[in-house]
Amino acid sequence: MRLFRSFSDLNFLSKSNPAYPVILSLMPNIINTGNPINNDYFPSKDGYLVLIEKTDCFEPLLEIGIQYKLNEIPFEGITKIDGFFHAVYVPNNQFTLSFLVPDEPWIPENLRKYLEDHIDE
């Protein structure tokens, strides 16, 4: 799992990684979730983007404070963007996590079905 809380976090991802342009396009929306009066953004209070990797599909996401496995998270919405599932989880009125899950053969079938069944059309 890779966490993206600022544009500088993209420096730790190869520009040739297929997720790079997708994350780059989503980051302005994530960072602009702060207070509209002074536009402050605090990842720990406002949220951030999580890139899911193969090893993240089987256990609860305790590293980011989530007791759920990916196929148990009550997502607000899921879309497909350039070969990725983009799933949004809003656990409270301020904090939002955006998940990018590569649509790859290594995705467990139960997770794929869960994501596909909840895609917003």
N, C-alpha and C. Protein backbone atom coordinates (compact mmCIF):
# COMPACT_ATOMS: atom_id res chain seq x y z
N MET A 1 0.86 -1.16 0.00
CA MET A 1 0.00 0.00 0.00
C MET A 1 0.91 1.23 0.00
N ARG A 2 0.52 2.17 -0.83
CA ARG A 2 1.25 3.43 -0.88
C ARG A 2 0.27 4.56 -0.60
N LEU A 3 0.71 5.50 0.22
CA LEU A 3 -0.15 6.61 0.63
C LEU A 3 0.31 7.88 -0.06
N PHE A 4 -0.66 8.65 -0.55
CA PHE A 4 -0.37 9.90 -1.24
C PHE A 4 -1.14 11.01 -0.54
N ARG A 5 -0.37 11.80 0.23
CA ARG A 5 -0.95 12.89 1.02
C ARG A 5 -0.61 14.26 0.46
N SER A 6 0.30 14.27 -0.53
CA SER A 6 0.71 15.53 -1.15
C SER A 6 1.29 15.20 -2.53
N PHE A 7 1.45 16.24 -3.33
CA PHE A 7 2.06 16.04 -4.64
C PHE A 7 3.49 15.51 -4.51
N SER A 8 4.19 15.90 -3.45
CA SER A 8 5.56 15.43 -3.29
C SER A 8 5.63 13.91 -3.07
N ASP A 9 4.56 13.30 -2.59
CA ASP A 9 4.54 11.84 -2.44
C ASP A 9 4.65 11.13 -3.78
N LEU A 10 4.29 11.82 -4.86
CA LEU A 10 4.43 11.23 -6.19
C LEU A 10 5.89 11.00 -6.57
N ASN A 11 6.81 11.68 -5.88
CA ASN A 11 8.24 11.49 -6.15
C ASN A 11 8.69 10.07 -5.83
N PHE A 12 7.91 9.36 -5.03
CA PHE A 12 8.27 8.00 -4.63
C PHE A 12 7.61 6.95 -5.52
N LEU A 13 7.00 7.39 -6.61
CA LEU A 13 6.36 6.50 -7.57
C LEU A 13 6.94 6.79 -8.95
N SER A 14 7.35 5.77 -9.62
CA SER A 14 7.92 5.95 -10.96
C SER A 14 6.89 6.56 -11.89
N LYS A 15 7.33 7.51 -12.71
CA LYS A 15 6.43 8.13 -13.68
C LYS A 15 5.95 7.12 -14.72
N SER A 16 6.64 5.99 -14.84
CA SER A 16 6.21 4.95 -15.78
C SER A 16 5.15 4.03 -15.17
N ASN A 17 4.90 4.16 -13.88
CA ASN A 17 3.87 3.36 -13.22
C ASN A 17 2.51 3.80 -13.77
N PRO A 18 1.66 2.86 -14.20
CA PRO A 18 0.35 3.23 -14.74
C PRO A 18 -0.52 4.04 -13.78
N ALA A 19 -0.25 3.94 -12.49
CA ALA A 19 -1.04 4.70 -11.51
C ALA A 19 -0.64 6.17 -11.46
N TYR A 20 0.56 6.49 -11.91
CA TYR A 20 1.08 7.86 -11.78
C TYR A 20 0.13 8.91 -12.37
N PRO A 21 -0.27 8.79 -13.65
CA PRO A 21 -1.14 9.85 -14.20
C PRO A 21 -2.52 9.88 -13.55
N VAL A 22 -3.00 8.74 -13.09
CA VAL A 22 -4.31 8.71 -12.43
C VAL A 22 -4.22 9.44 -11.09
N ILE A 23 -3.19 9.15 -10.32
CA ILE A 23 -3.01 9.82 -9.03
C ILE A 23 -2.80 11.31 -9.25
N LEU A 24 -1.99 11.66 -10.23
CA LEU A 24 -1.74 13.07 -10.53
C LEU A 24 -3.05 13.81 -10.85
N SER A 25 -3.95 13.15 -11.55
CA SER A 25 -5.23 13.79 -11.90
C SER A 25 -6.17 13.88 -10.70
N LEU A 26 -6.07 12.95 -9.75
CA LEU A 26 -6.96 12.96 -8.59
C LEU A 26 -6.49 13.85 -7.45
N MET A 27 -5.20 14.09 -7.35
CA MET A 27 -4.65 14.82 -6.21
C MET A 27 -5.25 16.21 -6.02
N PRO A 28 -5.47 17.00 -7.06
CA PRO A 28 -6.06 18.33 -6.79
C PRO A 28 -7.41 18.25 -6.09
N ASN A 29 -8.22 17.26 -6.42
CA ASN A 29 -9.52 17.10 -5.76
C ASN A 29 -9.36 16.69 -4.30
N ILE A 30 -8.37 15.88 -4.02
CA ILE A 30 -8.15 15.41 -2.66
C ILE A 30 -7.61 16.53 -1.79
N ILE A 31 -6.64 17.26 -2.29
CA ILE A 31 -6.02 18.32 -1.51
C ILE A 31 -6.98 19.49 -1.30
N ASN A 32 -7.90 19.71 -2.21
CA ASN A 32 -8.86 20.81 -2.07
C ASN A 32 -10.05 20.47 -1.20
N THR A 33 -9.96 19.40 -0.41
CA THR A 33 -11.06 19.04 0.47
C THR A 33 -11.02 19.81 1.78
N GLY A 34 -10.04 20.67 1.96
CA GLY A 34 -9.89 21.40 3.21
C GLY A 34 -10.97 22.45 3.41
N ASN A 35 -10.81 23.21 4.43
CA ASN A 35 -11.74 24.26 4.80
C ASN A 35 -11.85 25.27 3.65
N PRO A 36 -13.06 25.51 3.12
CA PRO A 36 -13.20 26.41 1.98
C PRO A 36 -12.86 27.87 2.31
N ILE A 37 -12.86 28.23 3.58
CA ILE A 37 -12.55 29.62 3.94
C ILE A 37 -11.06 29.91 3.79
N ASN A 38 -10.21 29.04 4.35
CA ASN A 38 -8.78 29.29 4.23
C ASN A 38 -8.06 28.19 3.45
N ASN A 39 -8.81 27.24 2.94
CA ASN A 39 -8.30 26.17 2.09
C ASN A 39 -7.16 25.38 2.73
N ASP A 40 -7.18 25.24 4.05
CA ASP A 40 -6.19 24.42 4.73
C ASP A 40 -6.48 22.95 4.47
N TYR A 41 -5.43 22.20 4.24
CA TYR A 41 -5.56 20.77 4.01
C TYR A 41 -4.66 20.05 4.99
N PHE A 42 -5.25 19.17 5.76
CA PHE A 42 -4.50 18.36 6.72
C PHE A 42 -4.83 16.89 6.45
N PRO A 43 -3.92 16.14 5.86
CA PRO A 43 -4.21 14.74 5.50
C PRO A 43 -4.78 13.92 6.65
N SER A 44 -4.28 14.14 7.85
CA SER A 44 -4.76 13.34 8.99
C SER A 44 -6.19 13.68 9.37
N LYS A 45 -6.66 14.87 8.99
CA LYS A 45 -8.04 15.26 9.28
C LYS A 45 -8.95 15.19 8.05
N ASP A 46 -8.37 15.45 6.87
CA ASP A 46 -9.17 15.57 5.66
C ASP A 46 -9.16 14.33 4.77
N GLY A 47 -8.08 13.55 4.81
CA GLY A 47 -8.00 12.34 4.01
C GLY A 47 -6.89 12.39 2.99
N TYR A 48 -6.76 11.31 2.24
CA TYR A 48 -5.68 11.16 1.28
C TYR A 48 -6.00 10.00 0.34
N LEU A 49 -5.07 9.72 -0.56
CA LEU A 49 -5.26 8.66 -1.54
C LEU A 49 -4.40 7.45 -1.17
N VAL A 50 -4.96 6.26 -1.35
CA VAL A 50 -4.28 5.00 -1.04
C VAL A 50 -4.20 4.16 -2.31
N LEU A 51 -2.98 3.84 -2.74
CA LEU A 51 -2.78 2.94 -3.87
C LEU A 51 -2.64 1.54 -3.32
N ILE A 52 -3.55 0.67 -3.70
CA ILE A 52 -3.56 -0.71 -3.22
C ILE A 52 -2.59 -1.56 -4.04
N GLU A 53 -1.84 -2.39 -3.33
CA GLU A 53 -0.92 -3.32 -3.97
C GLU A 53 -1.38 -4.74 -3.65
N LYS A 54 -0.79 -5.69 -4.31
CA LYS A 54 -1.23 -7.09 -4.25
C LYS A 54 -1.38 -7.60 -2.81
N THR A 55 -0.45 -7.28 -1.94
CA THR A 55 -0.48 -7.81 -0.58
C THR A 55 -1.55 -7.18 0.30
N ASP A 56 -2.22 -6.14 -0.18
CA ASP A 56 -3.22 -5.44 0.62
C ASP A 56 -4.63 -6.02 0.50
N CYS A 57 -4.79 -7.03 -0.30
CA CYS A 57 -6.12 -7.53 -0.65
C CYS A 57 -6.70 -8.55 0.32
N PHE A 58 -5.93 -8.98 1.30
CA PHE A 58 -6.35 -10.13 2.09
C PHE A 58 -6.58 -9.87 3.57
N GLU A 59 -6.07 -8.78 4.09
CA GLU A 59 -6.15 -8.49 5.52
C GLU A 59 -6.82 -7.14 5.75
N PRO A 60 -7.33 -6.91 6.97
CA PRO A 60 -7.83 -5.57 7.29
C PRO A 60 -6.72 -4.54 7.10
N LEU A 61 -7.10 -3.33 6.76
CA LEU A 61 -6.13 -2.27 6.45
C LEU A 61 -5.76 -1.51 7.72
N LEU A 62 -5.21 -2.25 8.68
CA LEU A 62 -4.90 -1.68 9.99
C LEU A 62 -3.84 -0.58 9.91
N GLU A 63 -2.97 -0.65 8.93
CA GLU A 63 -1.92 0.36 8.76
C GLU A 63 -2.49 1.77 8.63
N ILE A 64 -3.69 1.87 8.08
CA ILE A 64 -4.33 3.18 7.93
C ILE A 64 -5.56 3.30 8.84
N GLY A 65 -5.63 2.44 9.84
CA GLY A 65 -6.68 2.56 10.85
C GLY A 65 -8.04 2.04 10.44
N ILE A 66 -8.08 1.12 9.48
CA ILE A 66 -9.35 0.56 9.02
C ILE A 66 -9.42 -0.91 9.42
N GLN A 67 -10.50 -1.26 10.09
CA GLN A 67 -10.69 -2.63 10.57
C GLN A 67 -11.22 -3.57 9.48
N TYR A 68 -11.58 -3.01 8.33
CA TYR A 68 -12.16 -3.78 7.24
C TYR A 68 -11.10 -4.30 6.28
N LYS A 69 -11.44 -5.42 5.61
CA LYS A 69 -10.73 -5.83 4.40
C LYS A 69 -11.32 -4.99 3.27
N LEU A 70 -10.62 -4.93 2.16
CA LEU A 70 -11.10 -4.11 1.04
C LEU A 70 -12.51 -4.48 0.59
N ASN A 71 -12.82 -5.77 0.59
CA ASN A 71 -14.14 -6.19 0.12
C ASN A 71 -15.22 -6.05 1.19
N GLU A 72 -14.90 -5.35 2.28
CA GLU A 72 -15.87 -5.09 3.34
C GLU A 72 -16.10 -3.60 3.59
N ILE A 73 -15.29 -2.76 2.98
CA ILE A 73 -15.40 -1.32 3.21
C ILE A 73 -16.71 -0.80 2.61
N PRO A 74 -17.48 -0.05 3.39
CA PRO A 74 -18.72 0.52 2.86
C PRO A 74 -18.43 1.79 2.03
N PHE A 75 -18.01 1.59 0.79
CA PHE A 75 -17.64 2.70 -0.08
C PHE A 75 -18.85 3.57 -0.41
N GLU A 76 -18.60 4.86 -0.54
CA GLU A 76 -19.64 5.81 -0.98
C GLU A 76 -19.87 5.69 -2.47
N GLY A 77 -18.82 5.38 -3.19
CA GLY A 77 -18.93 5.25 -4.63
C GLY A 77 -17.67 4.63 -5.22
N ILE A 78 -17.84 3.99 -6.36
CA ILE A 78 -16.73 3.37 -7.07
C ILE A 78 -16.89 3.68 -8.55
N THR A 79 -15.79 4.08 -9.17
CA THR A 79 -15.76 4.30 -10.61
C THR A 79 -14.53 3.58 -11.17
N LYS A 80 -14.47 3.50 -12.49
CA LYS A 80 -13.27 2.96 -13.14
C LYS A 80 -12.58 4.10 -13.87
N ILE A 81 -11.26 4.19 -13.66
CA ILE A 81 -10.44 5.21 -14.32
C ILE A 81 -9.19 4.55 -14.87
N ASP A 82 -9.07 4.51 -16.17
CA ASP A 82 -7.84 4.06 -16.84
C ASP A 82 -7.23 2.80 -16.23
N GLY A 83 -8.03 1.76 -16.08
CA GLY A 83 -7.52 0.48 -15.58
C GLY A 83 -7.44 0.37 -14.07
N PHE A 84 -8.10 1.27 -13.35
CA PHE A 84 -8.13 1.24 -11.89
C PHE A 84 -9.56 1.40 -11.41
N PHE A 85 -9.85 0.74 -10.31
CA PHE A 85 -11.08 1.03 -9.58
C PHE A 85 -10.74 2.19 -8.66
N HIS A 86 -11.55 3.23 -8.68
CA HIS A 86 -11.39 4.35 -7.76
C HIS A 86 -12.57 4.29 -6.79
N ALA A 87 -12.27 3.96 -5.55
CA ALA A 87 -13.31 3.77 -4.54
C ALA A 87 -13.14 4.81 -3.44
N VAL A 88 -14.24 5.40 -3.02
CA VAL A 88 -14.21 6.47 -2.03
C VAL A 88 -14.90 6.00 -0.75
N TYR A 89 -14.19 6.17 0.35
CA TYR A 89 -14.69 5.80 1.67
C TYR A 89 -14.74 7.07 2.54
N VAL A 90 -15.91 7.35 3.11
CA VAL A 90 -16.10 8.54 3.93
C VAL A 90 -16.57 8.09 5.32
N PRO A 91 -15.63 7.89 6.24
CA PRO A 91 -16.03 7.41 7.57
C PRO A 91 -16.66 8.46 8.46
N ASN A 92 -16.46 9.76 8.13
CA ASN A 92 -17.11 10.83 8.90
C ASN A 92 -17.32 12.04 7.99
N ASN A 93 -17.83 13.11 8.53
CA ASN A 93 -18.19 14.27 7.71
C ASN A 93 -17.00 15.01 7.10
N GLN A 94 -15.80 14.77 7.57
CA GLN A 94 -14.64 15.51 7.07
C GLN A 94 -13.63 14.61 6.39
N PHE A 95 -13.37 13.46 6.91
CA PHE A 95 -12.28 12.60 6.45
C PHE A 95 -12.74 11.70 5.30
N THR A 96 -11.95 11.68 4.23
CA THR A 96 -12.26 10.85 3.06
C THR A 96 -11.00 10.12 2.60
N LEU A 97 -11.13 8.84 2.35
CA LEU A 97 -10.04 8.08 1.75
C LEU A 97 -10.44 7.70 0.34
N SER A 98 -9.54 7.98 -0.59
CA SER A 98 -9.72 7.53 -1.97
C SER A 98 -8.79 6.35 -2.18
N PHE A 99 -9.35 5.26 -2.66
CA PHE A 99 -8.56 4.06 -2.93
C PHE A 99 -8.44 3.86 -4.43
N LEU A 100 -7.23 3.55 -4.88
CA LEU A 100 -7.01 3.14 -6.27
C LEU A 100 -6.62 1.68 -6.23
N VAL A 101 -7.42 0.86 -6.87
CA VAL A 101 -7.17 -0.58 -6.92
C VAL A 101 -6.93 -0.95 -8.38
N PRO A 102 -5.73 -1.41 -8.72
CA PRO A 102 -5.47 -1.79 -10.11
C PRO A 102 -6.40 -2.91 -10.55
N ASP A 103 -6.96 -2.79 -11.72
CA ASP A 103 -7.79 -3.87 -12.29
C ASP A 103 -6.84 -4.87 -12.94
N GLU A 104 -6.25 -5.70 -12.10
CA GLU A 104 -5.23 -6.66 -12.52
C GLU A 104 -5.69 -8.08 -12.21
N PRO A 105 -5.10 -9.06 -12.89
CA PRO A 105 -5.48 -10.47 -12.63
C PRO A 105 -5.25 -10.93 -11.20
N TRP A 106 -4.37 -10.26 -10.46
CA TRP A 106 -4.10 -10.69 -9.08
C TRP A 106 -5.18 -10.27 -8.09
N ILE A 107 -6.14 -9.48 -8.52
CA ILE A 107 -7.23 -9.09 -7.62
C ILE A 107 -8.06 -10.34 -7.30
N PRO A 108 -8.25 -10.66 -6.01
CA PRO A 108 -9.08 -11.82 -5.67
C PRO A 108 -10.49 -11.67 -6.24
N GLU A 109 -11.07 -12.77 -6.64
CA GLU A 109 -12.38 -12.74 -7.30
C GLU A 109 -13.45 -12.10 -6.43
N ASN A 110 -13.43 -12.36 -5.11
CA ASN A 110 -14.45 -11.78 -4.24
C ASN A 110 -14.31 -10.25 -4.17
N LEU A 111 -13.09 -9.74 -4.22
CA LEU A 111 -12.87 -8.29 -4.23
C LEU A 111 -13.30 -7.71 -5.57
N ARG A 112 -12.94 -8.35 -6.65
CA ARG A 112 -13.33 -7.86 -7.99
C ARG A 112 -14.86 -7.77 -8.09
N LYS A 113 -15.53 -8.82 -7.64
CA LYS A 113 -17.00 -8.83 -7.70
C LYS A 113 -17.58 -7.70 -6.84
N TYR A 114 -17.04 -7.52 -5.65
CA TYR A 114 -17.51 -6.46 -4.75
C TYR A 114 -17.35 -5.09 -5.41
N LEU A 115 -16.19 -4.83 -5.99
CA LEU A 115 -15.94 -3.54 -6.64
C LEU A 115 -16.86 -3.36 -7.85
N GLU A 116 -16.95 -4.37 -8.69
CA GLU A 116 -17.77 -4.27 -9.89
C GLU A 116 -19.26 -4.12 -9.57
N ASP A 117 -19.71 -4.80 -8.51
CA ASP A 117 -21.11 -4.71 -8.11
C ASP A 117 -21.49 -3.33 -7.59
N HIS A 118 -20.50 -2.55 -7.17
CA HIS A 118 -20.78 -1.24 -6.59
C HIS A 118 -20.33 -0.06 -7.45
N ILE A 119 -19.98 -0.33 -8.70
CA ILE A 119 -19.58 0.75 -9.60
C ILE A 119 -20.77 1.67 -9.85
N ASP A 120 -20.51 2.97 -9.74
CA ASP A 120 -21.53 3.98 -10.05
C ASP A 120 -21.65 4.11 -11.56
N GLU A 121 -22.84 4.03 -12.04
CA GLU A 121 -23.05 4.15 -13.50
C GLU A 121 -23.81 5.39 -13.84
